[in-house]
């Protein structure tokens, strides 16, 4: 009899995490062996002797980037198979996650049978990508420019998302409502973006972002 597929969940939304754990534990030959509510908790978990086969990785963690965490975990444990979970299958962040070492993605709205197929496939060493994501990932591998033009790679997926909305001319309250975040979180994220990009104020951020193609701006 084959050993059970061991799964670790890294997601900062407790309802999603609890529901996913219950689903996975109900499957034959699959068992949840660990959970982490954020990047710091995941790093602490994996700093020990935690053993797992598949990591379900949320891209937008409350205290860090799932992309950065994927890169670090796979770098230290090449045998790990990371399956990212995302709201949108065509998200540029998914391509960045694949480049960081993820084995594929799972849309958060996926039905139970799709979740089971994805987890078992990744555990077996397969890649799980949609045609759109596969095309962009392949263009990167082949030296294409489309994926390589992901603007501001020093930003996390969430920071880039906020910057894009800032470039659209939205204020912090509107951005918070659209992303289901608190205004304080948005304000802190904008401040972090300004610091990372060495920009003096919001107006400079809008100009800089639009020049890079965010906010509907034209790419050079």
N, C-alpha and C. Protein backbone atom coordinates (compact mmCIF):
# COMPACT_ATOMS: atom_id res chain seq x y z
N UNK A 1 0.84 -1.20 0.00
CA UNK A 1 0.00 0.00 0.00
C UNK A 1 0.87 1.24 0.00
N UNK A 2 0.53 2.22 -0.85
CA UNK A 2 1.31 3.44 -0.94
C UNK A 2 1.14 4.28 0.33
N UNK A 3 2.22 5.00 0.69
CA UNK A 3 2.14 5.87 1.85
C UNK A 3 1.21 7.04 1.54
N UNK A 4 0.57 7.56 2.60
CA UNK A 4 -0.35 8.68 2.43
C UNK A 4 0.41 9.92 1.96
N UNK A 5 -0.26 10.73 1.16
CA UNK A 5 0.29 12.02 0.74
C UNK A 5 0.14 12.98 1.91
N UNK A 6 1.26 13.51 2.39
CA UNK A 6 1.25 14.43 3.52
C UNK A 6 1.17 15.86 3.00
N UNK A 7 0.21 16.62 3.51
CA UNK A 7 -0.04 17.97 3.03
C UNK A 7 0.08 18.97 4.18
N UNK A 8 0.73 20.10 3.89
CA UNK A 8 0.81 21.20 4.85
C UNK A 8 0.12 22.42 4.24
N UNK A 9 -0.71 23.09 5.02
CA UNK A 9 -1.47 24.25 4.55
C UNK A 9 -0.85 25.54 5.08
N UNK A 10 -0.59 26.49 4.18
CA UNK A 10 -0.09 27.81 4.58
C UNK A 10 -1.06 28.85 4.02
N UNK A 11 -1.90 29.39 4.89
CA UNK A 11 -2.93 30.34 4.46
C UNK A 11 -3.35 31.16 5.66
N UNK A 12 -3.51 32.47 5.47
CA UNK A 12 -3.85 33.34 6.59
C UNK A 12 -5.35 33.50 6.81
N UNK A 13 -6.17 32.79 6.01
CA UNK A 13 -7.62 32.84 6.19
C UNK A 13 -8.06 31.56 6.91
N UNK A 14 -8.42 31.66 8.19
CA UNK A 14 -8.72 30.46 8.97
C UNK A 14 -9.90 29.66 8.43
N UNK A 15 -10.92 30.32 7.91
CA UNK A 15 -12.08 29.58 7.39
C UNK A 15 -11.68 28.73 6.20
N UNK A 16 -10.90 29.32 5.28
CA UNK A 16 -10.44 28.55 4.12
C UNK A 16 -9.53 27.42 4.56
N UNK A 17 -8.63 27.71 5.49
CA UNK A 17 -7.66 26.71 5.94
C UNK A 17 -8.36 25.53 6.63
N UNK A 18 -9.32 25.85 7.50
CA UNK A 18 -10.03 24.79 8.22
C UNK A 18 -10.85 23.94 7.25
N UNK A 19 -11.51 24.61 6.31
CA UNK A 19 -12.32 23.88 5.34
C UNK A 19 -11.47 23.00 4.44
N UNK A 20 -10.34 23.52 4.00
CA UNK A 20 -9.45 22.74 3.14
C UNK A 20 -8.88 21.55 3.90
N UNK A 21 -8.52 21.76 5.17
CA UNK A 21 -7.99 20.66 5.98
C UNK A 21 -9.03 19.55 6.13
N UNK A 22 -10.27 19.94 6.36
CA UNK A 22 -11.34 18.95 6.52
C UNK A 22 -11.54 18.16 5.22
N UNK A 23 -11.50 18.86 4.10
CA UNK A 23 -11.67 18.19 2.81
C UNK A 23 -10.54 17.21 2.56
N UNK A 24 -9.30 17.66 2.73
CA UNK A 24 -8.16 16.80 2.45
C UNK A 24 -8.12 15.58 3.37
N UNK A 25 -8.43 15.80 4.64
CA UNK A 25 -8.41 14.67 5.58
C UNK A 25 -9.51 13.65 5.30
N UNK A 26 -10.51 14.06 4.52
CA UNK A 26 -11.59 13.13 4.18
C UNK A 26 -11.23 12.24 2.98
N UNK A 27 -10.12 12.55 2.31
CA UNK A 27 -9.72 11.80 1.12
C UNK A 27 -8.88 10.59 1.50
N UNK A 28 -9.09 9.49 0.83
CA UNK A 28 -8.28 8.29 1.06
C UNK A 28 -6.83 8.55 0.65
N UNK A 29 -5.92 8.23 1.52
CA UNK A 29 -4.51 8.35 1.17
C UNK A 29 -3.97 9.76 1.22
N UNK A 30 -4.69 10.69 1.85
CA UNK A 30 -4.22 12.07 2.01
C UNK A 30 -4.39 12.46 3.47
N UNK A 31 -3.39 13.10 4.04
CA UNK A 31 -3.48 13.53 5.44
C UNK A 31 -2.81 14.89 5.61
N UNK A 32 -3.45 15.76 6.36
CA UNK A 32 -2.89 17.07 6.67
C UNK A 32 -1.98 16.93 7.88
N UNK A 33 -0.71 17.28 7.70
CA UNK A 33 0.26 17.08 8.77
C UNK A 33 0.72 18.40 9.40
N UNK A 34 0.24 19.52 8.87
CA UNK A 34 0.64 20.79 9.45
C UNK A 34 -0.12 21.95 8.85
N UNK A 35 -0.25 23.02 9.63
CA UNK A 35 -0.91 24.23 9.18
C UNK A 35 -0.13 25.44 9.69
N UNK A 36 -0.10 26.50 8.89
CA UNK A 36 0.55 27.74 9.29
C UNK A 36 -0.33 28.90 8.83
N UNK A 37 -0.52 29.88 9.71
CA UNK A 37 -1.41 31.00 9.41
C UNK A 37 -0.70 32.18 8.76
N UNK A 38 0.57 32.01 8.44
CA UNK A 38 1.30 33.10 7.82
C UNK A 38 2.72 32.69 7.50
N UNK A 39 3.47 33.64 6.94
CA UNK A 39 4.84 33.35 6.52
C UNK A 39 5.74 33.03 7.71
N UNK A 40 5.62 33.82 8.78
CA UNK A 40 6.48 33.60 9.95
C UNK A 40 6.21 32.23 10.57
N UNK A 41 4.93 31.88 10.68
CA UNK A 41 4.58 30.58 11.26
C UNK A 41 5.07 29.44 10.38
N UNK A 42 5.02 29.63 9.07
CA UNK A 42 5.49 28.59 8.15
C UNK A 42 7.01 28.42 8.27
N UNK A 43 7.72 29.52 8.35
CA UNK A 43 9.18 29.44 8.48
C UNK A 43 9.56 28.74 9.78
N UNK A 44 8.81 29.03 10.85
CA UNK A 44 9.09 28.36 12.13
C UNK A 44 8.81 26.87 12.02
N UNK A 45 7.69 26.54 11.36
CA UNK A 45 7.33 25.13 11.20
C UNK A 45 8.41 24.36 10.45
N UNK A 46 8.89 24.93 9.36
CA UNK A 46 9.86 24.24 8.52
C UNK A 46 11.30 24.39 9.02
N UNK A 47 11.50 25.20 10.03
CA UNK A 47 12.85 25.30 10.60
C UNK A 47 13.19 24.06 11.42
N UNK A 48 12.15 23.33 11.80
CA UNK A 48 12.35 22.09 12.54
C UNK A 48 12.40 20.90 11.61
N UNK A 49 11.94 19.76 12.09
CA UNK A 49 12.02 18.52 11.32
C UNK A 49 10.68 18.17 10.69
N UNK A 50 9.92 19.19 10.37
CA UNK A 50 8.59 18.96 9.78
C UNK A 50 8.72 18.29 8.43
N UNK A 51 8.03 17.19 8.24
CA UNK A 51 8.08 16.43 6.98
C UNK A 51 6.74 16.49 6.28
N UNK A 52 6.76 16.83 5.02
CA UNK A 52 5.54 16.90 4.23
C UNK A 52 5.86 16.65 2.76
N UNK A 53 4.86 16.29 1.99
CA UNK A 53 5.06 16.05 0.56
C UNK A 53 4.61 17.24 -0.29
N UNK A 54 3.47 17.82 0.08
CA UNK A 54 2.89 18.92 -0.69
C UNK A 54 2.58 20.07 0.25
N UNK A 55 2.90 21.29 -0.20
CA UNK A 55 2.53 22.49 0.54
C UNK A 55 1.51 23.27 -0.28
N UNK A 56 0.32 23.49 0.29
CA UNK A 56 -0.66 24.37 -0.33
C UNK A 56 -0.36 25.78 0.15
N UNK A 57 0.08 26.63 -0.78
CA UNK A 57 0.63 27.94 -0.41
C UNK A 57 -0.25 29.08 -0.91
N UNK A 58 -0.80 29.85 0.02
CA UNK A 58 -1.52 31.06 -0.35
C UNK A 58 -0.50 32.09 -0.83
N UNK A 59 -0.83 32.83 -1.88
CA UNK A 59 0.12 33.81 -2.41
C UNK A 59 0.15 35.08 -1.58
N UNK A 60 -0.98 35.47 -1.04
CA UNK A 60 -1.07 36.73 -0.30
C UNK A 60 -1.23 36.46 1.19
N UNK A 61 -0.11 36.26 1.86
CA UNK A 61 -0.12 36.01 3.30
C UNK A 61 -0.13 37.35 4.03
N UNK A 62 -0.73 37.37 5.19
CA UNK A 62 -0.85 38.63 5.89
C UNK A 62 0.47 39.25 6.30
N UNK A 63 1.47 38.41 6.56
CA UNK A 63 2.75 38.93 7.03
C UNK A 63 3.90 38.66 6.06
N UNK A 64 3.59 38.41 4.81
CA UNK A 64 4.65 38.18 3.84
C UNK A 64 4.12 37.68 2.52
N UNK A 65 5.03 37.42 1.61
CA UNK A 65 4.68 36.98 0.27
C UNK A 65 4.81 35.47 0.14
N UNK A 66 3.78 34.84 -0.40
CA UNK A 66 3.85 33.41 -0.66
C UNK A 66 4.90 33.08 -1.70
N UNK A 67 5.19 34.02 -2.60
CA UNK A 67 6.23 33.81 -3.61
C UNK A 67 7.59 33.73 -2.95
N UNK A 68 7.87 34.69 -2.07
CA UNK A 68 9.17 34.68 -1.37
C UNK A 68 9.31 33.43 -0.51
N UNK A 69 8.22 33.06 0.16
CA UNK A 69 8.26 31.88 1.03
C UNK A 69 8.47 30.62 0.21
N UNK A 70 7.82 30.53 -0.95
CA UNK A 70 8.01 29.38 -1.84
C UNK A 70 9.46 29.27 -2.26
N UNK A 71 10.04 30.40 -2.67
CA UNK A 71 11.44 30.40 -3.11
C UNK A 71 12.37 29.91 -2.00
N UNK A 72 12.13 30.38 -0.78
CA UNK A 72 12.99 30.01 0.35
C UNK A 72 12.82 28.53 0.72
N UNK A 73 11.59 28.07 0.76
CA UNK A 73 11.34 26.68 1.15
C UNK A 73 11.90 25.70 0.13
N UNK A 74 11.63 25.98 -1.15
CA UNK A 74 12.14 25.08 -2.19
C UNK A 74 13.66 25.15 -2.27
N UNK A 75 14.21 26.33 -1.98
CA UNK A 75 15.66 26.46 -1.99
C UNK A 75 16.33 25.61 -0.92
N UNK A 76 15.68 25.53 0.24
CA UNK A 76 16.26 24.76 1.34
C UNK A 76 15.83 23.30 1.31
N UNK A 77 14.68 23.03 0.67
CA UNK A 77 14.18 21.65 0.57
C UNK A 77 13.69 21.40 -0.86
N UNK A 78 14.59 21.10 -1.75
CA UNK A 78 14.22 20.92 -3.16
C UNK A 78 13.17 19.84 -3.41
N UNK A 79 13.02 18.93 -2.47
CA UNK A 79 12.04 17.85 -2.67
C UNK A 79 10.61 18.31 -2.41
N UNK A 80 10.43 19.48 -1.80
CA UNK A 80 9.09 19.98 -1.51
C UNK A 80 8.34 20.29 -2.81
N UNK A 81 7.07 19.98 -2.83
CA UNK A 81 6.22 20.30 -3.98
C UNK A 81 5.17 21.30 -3.54
N UNK A 82 5.31 22.51 -4.03
CA UNK A 82 4.43 23.60 -3.62
C UNK A 82 3.32 23.79 -4.65
N UNK A 83 2.09 23.80 -4.16
CA UNK A 83 0.92 24.07 -4.99
C UNK A 83 0.32 25.37 -4.49
N UNK A 84 0.44 26.44 -5.28
CA UNK A 84 -0.05 27.73 -4.82
C UNK A 84 -1.57 27.81 -4.99
N UNK A 85 -2.21 28.55 -4.10
CA UNK A 85 -3.64 28.79 -4.20
C UNK A 85 -3.86 30.27 -4.45
N UNK A 86 -4.75 30.59 -5.37
CA UNK A 86 -4.94 31.97 -5.79
C UNK A 86 -6.40 32.20 -6.15
N UNK A 87 -6.79 33.46 -6.17
CA UNK A 87 -8.17 33.80 -6.53
C UNK A 87 -8.36 33.81 -8.04
N UNK A 88 -7.29 34.13 -8.79
CA UNK A 88 -7.41 34.29 -10.24
C UNK A 88 -6.32 33.49 -10.94
N UNK A 89 -6.70 32.63 -11.87
CA UNK A 89 -5.74 31.74 -12.51
C UNK A 89 -4.78 32.46 -13.44
N UNK A 90 -5.14 33.69 -13.89
CA UNK A 90 -4.26 34.40 -14.81
C UNK A 90 -3.41 35.45 -14.09
N UNK A 91 -3.36 35.37 -12.78
CA UNK A 91 -2.59 36.32 -11.99
C UNK A 91 -1.10 36.20 -12.33
N UNK A 92 -0.45 37.34 -12.62
CA UNK A 92 0.99 37.33 -12.89
C UNK A 92 1.77 36.73 -11.73
N UNK A 93 1.21 36.85 -10.52
CA UNK A 93 1.91 36.31 -9.37
C UNK A 93 2.04 34.80 -9.44
N UNK A 94 1.10 34.14 -10.13
CA UNK A 94 1.19 32.69 -10.28
C UNK A 94 2.43 32.33 -11.09
N UNK A 95 2.66 33.09 -12.17
CA UNK A 95 3.84 32.86 -12.99
C UNK A 95 5.10 33.08 -12.15
N UNK A 96 5.09 34.15 -11.34
CA UNK A 96 6.25 34.42 -10.48
C UNK A 96 6.46 33.28 -9.49
N UNK A 97 5.36 32.71 -8.99
CA UNK A 97 5.47 31.60 -8.05
C UNK A 97 6.07 30.37 -8.72
N UNK A 98 5.68 30.12 -9.96
CA UNK A 98 6.26 28.99 -10.71
C UNK A 98 7.74 29.20 -10.90
N UNK A 99 8.11 30.41 -11.22
CA UNK A 99 9.53 30.73 -11.37
C UNK A 99 10.28 30.55 -10.05
N UNK A 100 9.55 30.74 -8.93
CA UNK A 100 10.17 30.58 -7.60
C UNK A 100 10.27 29.12 -7.19
N UNK A 101 9.64 28.22 -7.96
CA UNK A 101 9.75 26.79 -7.66
C UNK A 101 8.46 26.06 -7.41
N UNK A 102 7.32 26.77 -7.51
CA UNK A 102 6.03 26.10 -7.31
C UNK A 102 5.76 25.11 -8.44
N UNK A 103 5.02 24.06 -8.12
CA UNK A 103 4.72 23.02 -9.11
C UNK A 103 3.38 23.25 -9.81
N UNK A 104 2.68 24.31 -9.46
CA UNK A 104 1.42 24.59 -10.10
C UNK A 104 0.53 25.44 -9.24
N UNK A 105 -0.73 25.57 -9.64
CA UNK A 105 -1.64 26.42 -8.89
C UNK A 105 -3.00 25.76 -8.76
N UNK A 106 -3.75 26.25 -7.77
CA UNK A 106 -5.10 25.79 -7.53
C UNK A 106 -5.94 27.02 -7.26
N UNK A 107 -7.02 27.20 -8.01
CA UNK A 107 -7.92 28.33 -7.80
C UNK A 107 -8.73 28.07 -6.53
N UNK A 108 -8.87 29.09 -5.68
CA UNK A 108 -9.53 28.90 -4.39
C UNK A 108 -10.98 28.46 -4.53
N UNK A 109 -11.58 28.75 -5.66
CA UNK A 109 -12.97 28.36 -5.87
C UNK A 109 -13.11 26.97 -6.49
N UNK A 110 -11.99 26.25 -6.63
CA UNK A 110 -12.02 24.93 -7.27
C UNK A 110 -12.90 23.95 -6.49
N UNK A 111 -13.64 23.10 -7.19
CA UNK A 111 -14.48 22.10 -6.52
C UNK A 111 -13.62 21.01 -5.88
N UNK A 112 -14.19 20.24 -4.96
CA UNK A 112 -13.42 19.22 -4.24
C UNK A 112 -12.69 18.23 -5.14
N UNK A 113 -13.32 17.80 -6.25
CA UNK A 113 -12.65 16.82 -7.11
C UNK A 113 -11.42 17.42 -7.79
N UNK A 114 -11.47 18.73 -8.10
CA UNK A 114 -10.31 19.39 -8.71
C UNK A 114 -9.19 19.54 -7.69
N UNK A 115 -9.56 19.81 -6.44
CA UNK A 115 -8.56 19.91 -5.36
C UNK A 115 -7.84 18.57 -5.22
N UNK A 116 -8.61 17.50 -5.19
CA UNK A 116 -8.01 16.17 -5.03
C UNK A 116 -7.08 15.85 -6.20
N UNK A 117 -7.53 16.13 -7.42
CA UNK A 117 -6.68 15.84 -8.59
C UNK A 117 -5.38 16.63 -8.54
N UNK A 118 -5.48 17.90 -8.17
CA UNK A 118 -4.30 18.76 -8.15
C UNK A 118 -3.29 18.29 -7.10
N UNK A 119 -3.78 17.98 -5.91
CA UNK A 119 -2.89 17.54 -4.83
C UNK A 119 -2.21 16.22 -5.19
N UNK A 120 -2.96 15.28 -5.71
CA UNK A 120 -2.38 13.97 -6.06
C UNK A 120 -1.40 14.12 -7.23
N UNK A 121 -1.73 14.98 -8.19
CA UNK A 121 -0.85 15.15 -9.35
C UNK A 121 0.47 15.78 -8.94
N UNK A 122 0.41 16.83 -8.13
CA UNK A 122 1.64 17.50 -7.68
C UNK A 122 2.46 16.55 -6.81
N UNK A 123 1.80 15.79 -5.96
CA UNK A 123 2.52 14.80 -5.13
C UNK A 123 3.23 13.78 -5.99
N UNK A 124 2.67 13.48 -7.17
CA UNK A 124 3.28 12.51 -8.08
C UNK A 124 4.35 13.12 -8.97
N UNK A 125 4.61 14.41 -8.78
CA UNK A 125 5.67 15.06 -9.55
C UNK A 125 5.21 15.78 -10.79
N UNK A 126 3.91 15.88 -11.02
CA UNK A 126 3.40 16.56 -12.20
C UNK A 126 3.30 18.07 -11.97
N UNK A 127 3.22 18.82 -13.08
CA UNK A 127 2.97 20.26 -13.03
C UNK A 127 1.50 20.50 -13.32
N UNK A 128 0.88 21.40 -12.55
CA UNK A 128 -0.53 21.73 -12.75
C UNK A 128 -0.63 23.21 -13.12
N UNK A 129 -0.81 23.47 -14.42
CA UNK A 129 -0.89 24.85 -14.91
C UNK A 129 -2.04 24.98 -15.90
N UNK A 130 -2.70 26.14 -15.87
CA UNK A 130 -3.70 26.40 -16.90
C UNK A 130 -2.97 26.78 -18.18
N UNK A 131 -3.63 26.72 -19.33
CA UNK A 131 -2.98 27.12 -20.59
C UNK A 131 -2.41 28.53 -20.54
N UNK A 132 -3.16 29.47 -19.92
CA UNK A 132 -2.69 30.86 -19.87
C UNK A 132 -1.42 31.00 -19.05
N UNK A 133 -1.42 30.36 -17.89
CA UNK A 133 -0.24 30.42 -17.03
C UNK A 133 0.93 29.67 -17.66
N UNK A 134 0.65 28.53 -18.26
CA UNK A 134 1.71 27.74 -18.90
C UNK A 134 2.36 28.53 -20.02
N UNK A 135 1.56 29.28 -20.76
CA UNK A 135 2.12 30.06 -21.87
C UNK A 135 3.10 31.11 -21.37
N UNK A 136 2.71 31.80 -20.30
CA UNK A 136 3.59 32.85 -19.78
C UNK A 136 4.82 32.26 -19.11
N UNK A 137 4.64 31.15 -18.40
CA UNK A 137 5.78 30.50 -17.77
C UNK A 137 6.77 30.01 -18.83
N UNK A 138 6.24 29.44 -19.91
CA UNK A 138 7.10 28.95 -20.98
C UNK A 138 7.83 30.09 -21.68
N UNK A 139 7.16 31.20 -21.85
CA UNK A 139 7.81 32.33 -22.51
C UNK A 139 8.98 32.83 -21.68
N UNK A 140 8.83 32.72 -20.35
CA UNK A 140 9.95 33.10 -19.47
C UNK A 140 11.12 32.12 -19.64
N UNK A 141 10.79 30.84 -19.62
CA UNK A 141 11.83 29.81 -19.75
C UNK A 141 12.58 29.96 -21.07
N UNK A 142 11.86 30.29 -22.12
CA UNK A 142 12.46 30.41 -23.45
C UNK A 142 13.10 31.78 -23.70
N UNK A 143 13.06 32.63 -22.67
CA UNK A 143 13.69 33.93 -22.83
C UNK A 143 12.75 34.97 -23.40
N UNK A 144 11.44 34.68 -23.41
CA UNK A 144 10.48 35.65 -23.92
C UNK A 144 10.39 36.84 -23.01
N UNK A 145 9.80 37.89 -23.53
CA UNK A 145 9.77 39.14 -22.79
C UNK A 145 8.50 39.33 -21.98
N UNK A 146 7.45 38.62 -22.32
CA UNK A 146 6.18 38.88 -21.67
C UNK A 146 6.24 38.66 -20.17
N UNK A 147 6.72 37.49 -19.76
CA UNK A 147 6.80 37.21 -18.33
C UNK A 147 7.91 37.99 -17.67
N UNK A 148 8.99 38.26 -18.42
CA UNK A 148 10.12 38.96 -17.85
C UNK A 148 9.79 40.41 -17.54
N UNK A 149 8.70 40.92 -18.08
CA UNK A 149 8.34 42.30 -17.88
C UNK A 149 7.44 42.53 -16.68
N UNK A 150 7.32 41.55 -15.82
CA UNK A 150 6.56 41.74 -14.61
C UNK A 150 7.14 42.94 -13.87
N UNK A 151 6.36 44.03 -13.73
CA UNK A 151 6.93 45.26 -13.18
C UNK A 151 7.26 45.16 -11.70
N UNK A 152 8.32 45.85 -11.32
CA UNK A 152 8.71 45.97 -9.92
C UNK A 152 8.82 44.62 -9.21
N UNK A 153 9.73 43.77 -9.63
CA UNK A 153 9.86 42.44 -9.02
C UNK A 153 10.23 42.49 -7.54
N UNK A 154 10.71 43.66 -7.08
CA UNK A 154 11.05 43.78 -5.66
C UNK A 154 9.82 43.88 -4.77
N UNK A 155 8.65 44.09 -5.38
CA UNK A 155 7.41 44.18 -4.62
C UNK A 155 6.77 42.81 -4.48
N UNK A 156 6.02 42.61 -3.41
CA UNK A 156 5.24 41.39 -3.28
C UNK A 156 4.01 41.50 -4.19
N UNK A 157 3.33 40.39 -4.36
CA UNK A 157 2.12 40.39 -5.19
C UNK A 157 1.09 41.38 -4.65
N UNK A 158 0.90 41.41 -3.34
CA UNK A 158 -0.06 42.33 -2.75
C UNK A 158 0.36 43.78 -2.94
N UNK A 159 1.64 44.07 -2.76
CA UNK A 159 2.12 45.44 -2.93
C UNK A 159 1.93 45.91 -4.37
N UNK A 160 2.19 45.02 -5.32
CA UNK A 160 2.00 45.37 -6.73
C UNK A 160 0.52 45.60 -7.04
N UNK A 161 -0.33 44.79 -6.42
CA UNK A 161 -1.77 44.93 -6.62
C UNK A 161 -2.25 46.28 -6.09
N UNK A 162 -1.78 46.66 -4.92
CA UNK A 162 -2.16 47.96 -4.34
C UNK A 162 -1.64 49.10 -5.21
N UNK A 163 -0.39 48.98 -5.66
CA UNK A 163 0.19 50.02 -6.51
C UNK A 163 -0.60 50.18 -7.81
N UNK A 164 -1.05 49.07 -8.36
CA UNK A 164 -1.85 49.13 -9.58
C UNK A 164 -3.13 49.92 -9.35
N UNK A 165 -3.77 49.71 -8.21
CA UNK A 165 -5.00 50.43 -7.91
C UNK A 165 -4.73 51.90 -7.60
N UNK A 166 -3.59 52.16 -6.97
CA UNK A 166 -3.18 53.55 -6.75
C UNK A 166 -2.98 54.24 -8.10
N UNK A 167 -2.36 53.54 -9.04
CA UNK A 167 -2.13 54.10 -10.37
C UNK A 167 -3.42 54.32 -11.13
N UNK A 168 -4.47 53.58 -10.74
CA UNK A 168 -5.79 53.80 -11.33
C UNK A 168 -6.46 55.04 -10.75
N UNK A 169 -5.85 55.63 -9.73
CA UNK A 169 -6.39 56.84 -9.13
C UNK A 169 -7.31 56.60 -7.95
N UNK A 170 -7.33 55.38 -7.42
CA UNK A 170 -8.21 55.07 -6.30
C UNK A 170 -7.58 55.51 -4.98
N UNK A 171 -8.42 55.96 -4.04
CA UNK A 171 -7.90 56.34 -2.73
C UNK A 171 -7.82 55.10 -1.83
N UNK A 172 -7.22 55.28 -0.66
CA UNK A 172 -6.98 54.13 0.22
C UNK A 172 -8.27 53.44 0.67
N UNK A 173 -9.30 54.23 0.93
CA UNK A 173 -10.56 53.65 1.39
C UNK A 173 -11.18 52.76 0.31
N UNK A 174 -11.13 53.24 -0.93
CA UNK A 174 -11.69 52.46 -2.04
C UNK A 174 -10.87 51.20 -2.27
N UNK A 175 -9.55 51.33 -2.20
CA UNK A 175 -8.68 50.17 -2.38
C UNK A 175 -8.94 49.14 -1.29
N UNK A 176 -9.09 49.61 -0.05
CA UNK A 176 -9.35 48.71 1.07
C UNK A 176 -10.65 47.94 0.86
N UNK A 177 -11.66 48.63 0.40
CA UNK A 177 -12.95 47.99 0.17
C UNK A 177 -12.85 46.96 -0.96
N UNK A 178 -12.13 47.31 -2.02
CA UNK A 178 -12.01 46.40 -3.17
C UNK A 178 -11.22 45.15 -2.83
N UNK A 179 -10.19 45.28 -2.00
CA UNK A 179 -9.33 44.14 -1.67
C UNK A 179 -9.70 43.47 -0.35
N UNK A 180 -10.76 43.96 0.28
CA UNK A 180 -11.21 43.44 1.57
C UNK A 180 -10.07 43.53 2.60
N UNK A 181 -9.48 44.71 2.67
CA UNK A 181 -8.42 44.98 3.64
C UNK A 181 -8.85 46.16 4.50
N UNK A 182 -8.14 46.39 5.59
CA UNK A 182 -8.42 47.57 6.40
C UNK A 182 -7.70 48.77 5.77
N UNK A 183 -8.24 49.98 5.92
CA UNK A 183 -7.56 51.17 5.41
C UNK A 183 -6.14 51.30 5.96
N UNK A 184 -5.95 50.90 7.22
CA UNK A 184 -4.62 50.97 7.81
C UNK A 184 -3.64 50.06 7.07
N UNK A 185 -4.10 48.85 6.73
CA UNK A 185 -3.23 47.93 5.99
C UNK A 185 -2.85 48.52 4.63
N UNK A 186 -3.83 49.11 3.95
CA UNK A 186 -3.54 49.73 2.65
C UNK A 186 -2.56 50.88 2.82
N UNK A 187 -2.78 51.71 3.83
CA UNK A 187 -1.89 52.85 4.07
C UNK A 187 -0.46 52.37 4.33
N UNK A 188 -0.32 51.32 5.14
CA UNK A 188 1.02 50.79 5.42
C UNK A 188 1.65 50.18 4.17
N UNK A 189 0.82 49.52 3.35
CA UNK A 189 1.34 48.92 2.12
C UNK A 189 1.84 50.00 1.16
N UNK A 190 1.07 51.07 1.03
CA UNK A 190 1.50 52.18 0.16
C UNK A 190 2.82 52.76 0.66
N UNK A 191 2.95 52.92 1.97
CA UNK A 191 4.19 53.44 2.54
C UNK A 191 5.36 52.51 2.24
N UNK A 192 5.13 51.21 2.32
CA UNK A 192 6.18 50.23 2.01
C UNK A 192 6.58 50.31 0.54
N UNK A 193 5.59 50.46 -0.34
CA UNK A 193 5.88 50.58 -1.77
C UNK A 193 6.73 51.81 -2.06
N UNK A 194 6.36 52.93 -1.45
CA UNK A 194 7.12 54.16 -1.65
C UNK A 194 8.57 53.98 -1.20
N UNK A 195 8.74 53.30 -0.06
CA UNK A 195 10.09 53.09 0.46
C UNK A 195 10.90 52.16 -0.45
N UNK A 196 10.28 51.05 -0.89
CA UNK A 196 10.99 50.10 -1.74
C UNK A 196 11.38 50.70 -3.09
N UNK A 197 10.53 51.57 -3.62
CA UNK A 197 10.79 52.16 -4.94
C UNK A 197 11.48 53.52 -4.84
N UNK A 198 11.79 53.94 -3.61
CA UNK A 198 12.48 55.22 -3.38
C UNK A 198 11.71 56.39 -4.00
N UNK A 199 10.42 56.41 -3.76
CA UNK A 199 9.55 57.46 -4.29
C UNK A 199 9.14 58.38 -3.16
N UNK A 200 9.00 59.68 -3.47
CA UNK A 200 8.78 60.66 -2.41
C UNK A 200 7.32 60.73 -1.95
N UNK A 201 6.38 60.47 -2.86
CA UNK A 201 4.98 60.60 -2.48
C UNK A 201 4.08 59.80 -3.42
N UNK A 202 2.80 59.85 -3.16
CA UNK A 202 1.82 59.09 -3.92
C UNK A 202 1.78 59.51 -5.38
N UNK A 203 1.91 60.82 -5.62
CA UNK A 203 1.88 61.32 -6.99
C UNK A 203 3.03 60.74 -7.81
N UNK A 204 4.21 60.67 -7.20
CA UNK A 204 5.36 60.09 -7.90
C UNK A 204 5.13 58.61 -8.16
N UNK A 205 4.47 57.93 -7.21
CA UNK A 205 4.19 56.51 -7.38
C UNK A 205 3.25 56.29 -8.56
N UNK A 206 2.25 57.15 -8.70
CA UNK A 206 1.30 57.02 -9.80
C UNK A 206 2.01 57.16 -11.14
N UNK A 207 2.86 58.18 -11.25
CA UNK A 207 3.60 58.40 -12.50
C UNK A 207 4.50 57.21 -12.81
N UNK A 208 5.24 56.76 -11.80
CA UNK A 208 6.19 55.67 -11.97
C UNK A 208 5.46 54.38 -12.36
N UNK A 209 4.34 54.12 -11.70
CA UNK A 209 3.58 52.90 -11.97
C UNK A 209 2.99 52.92 -13.37
N UNK A 210 2.46 54.05 -13.77
CA UNK A 210 1.86 54.13 -15.10
C UNK A 210 2.91 54.00 -16.20
N UNK A 211 4.11 54.51 -15.95
CA UNK A 211 5.18 54.35 -16.93
C UNK A 211 5.55 52.88 -17.10
N UNK A 212 5.35 52.08 -16.02
CA UNK A 212 5.66 50.65 -16.07
C UNK A 212 4.49 49.81 -16.58
N UNK A 213 3.36 50.48 -16.88
CA UNK A 213 2.23 49.76 -17.43
C UNK A 213 1.12 49.45 -16.46
N UNK A 214 1.27 49.84 -15.19
CA UNK A 214 0.20 49.61 -14.22
C UNK A 214 -0.84 50.73 -14.34
N UNK A 215 -1.98 50.47 -13.80
CA UNK A 215 -3.03 51.49 -13.80
C UNK A 215 -3.56 51.82 -15.19
N UNK A 216 -3.32 50.92 -16.15
CA UNK A 216 -3.79 51.20 -17.51
C UNK A 216 -2.79 51.97 -18.33
N UNK A 217 -1.60 52.24 -17.75
CA UNK A 217 -0.59 52.99 -18.47
C UNK A 217 0.00 52.17 -19.62
N UNK A 218 0.57 52.83 -20.59
CA UNK A 218 1.16 52.13 -21.75
C UNK A 218 2.54 51.65 -21.41
N UNK A 219 2.81 50.40 -21.74
CA UNK A 219 4.16 49.85 -21.55
C UNK A 219 5.08 50.36 -22.65
N UNK A 220 6.31 50.60 -22.25
CA UNK A 220 7.27 51.07 -23.24
C UNK A 220 7.80 49.90 -24.05
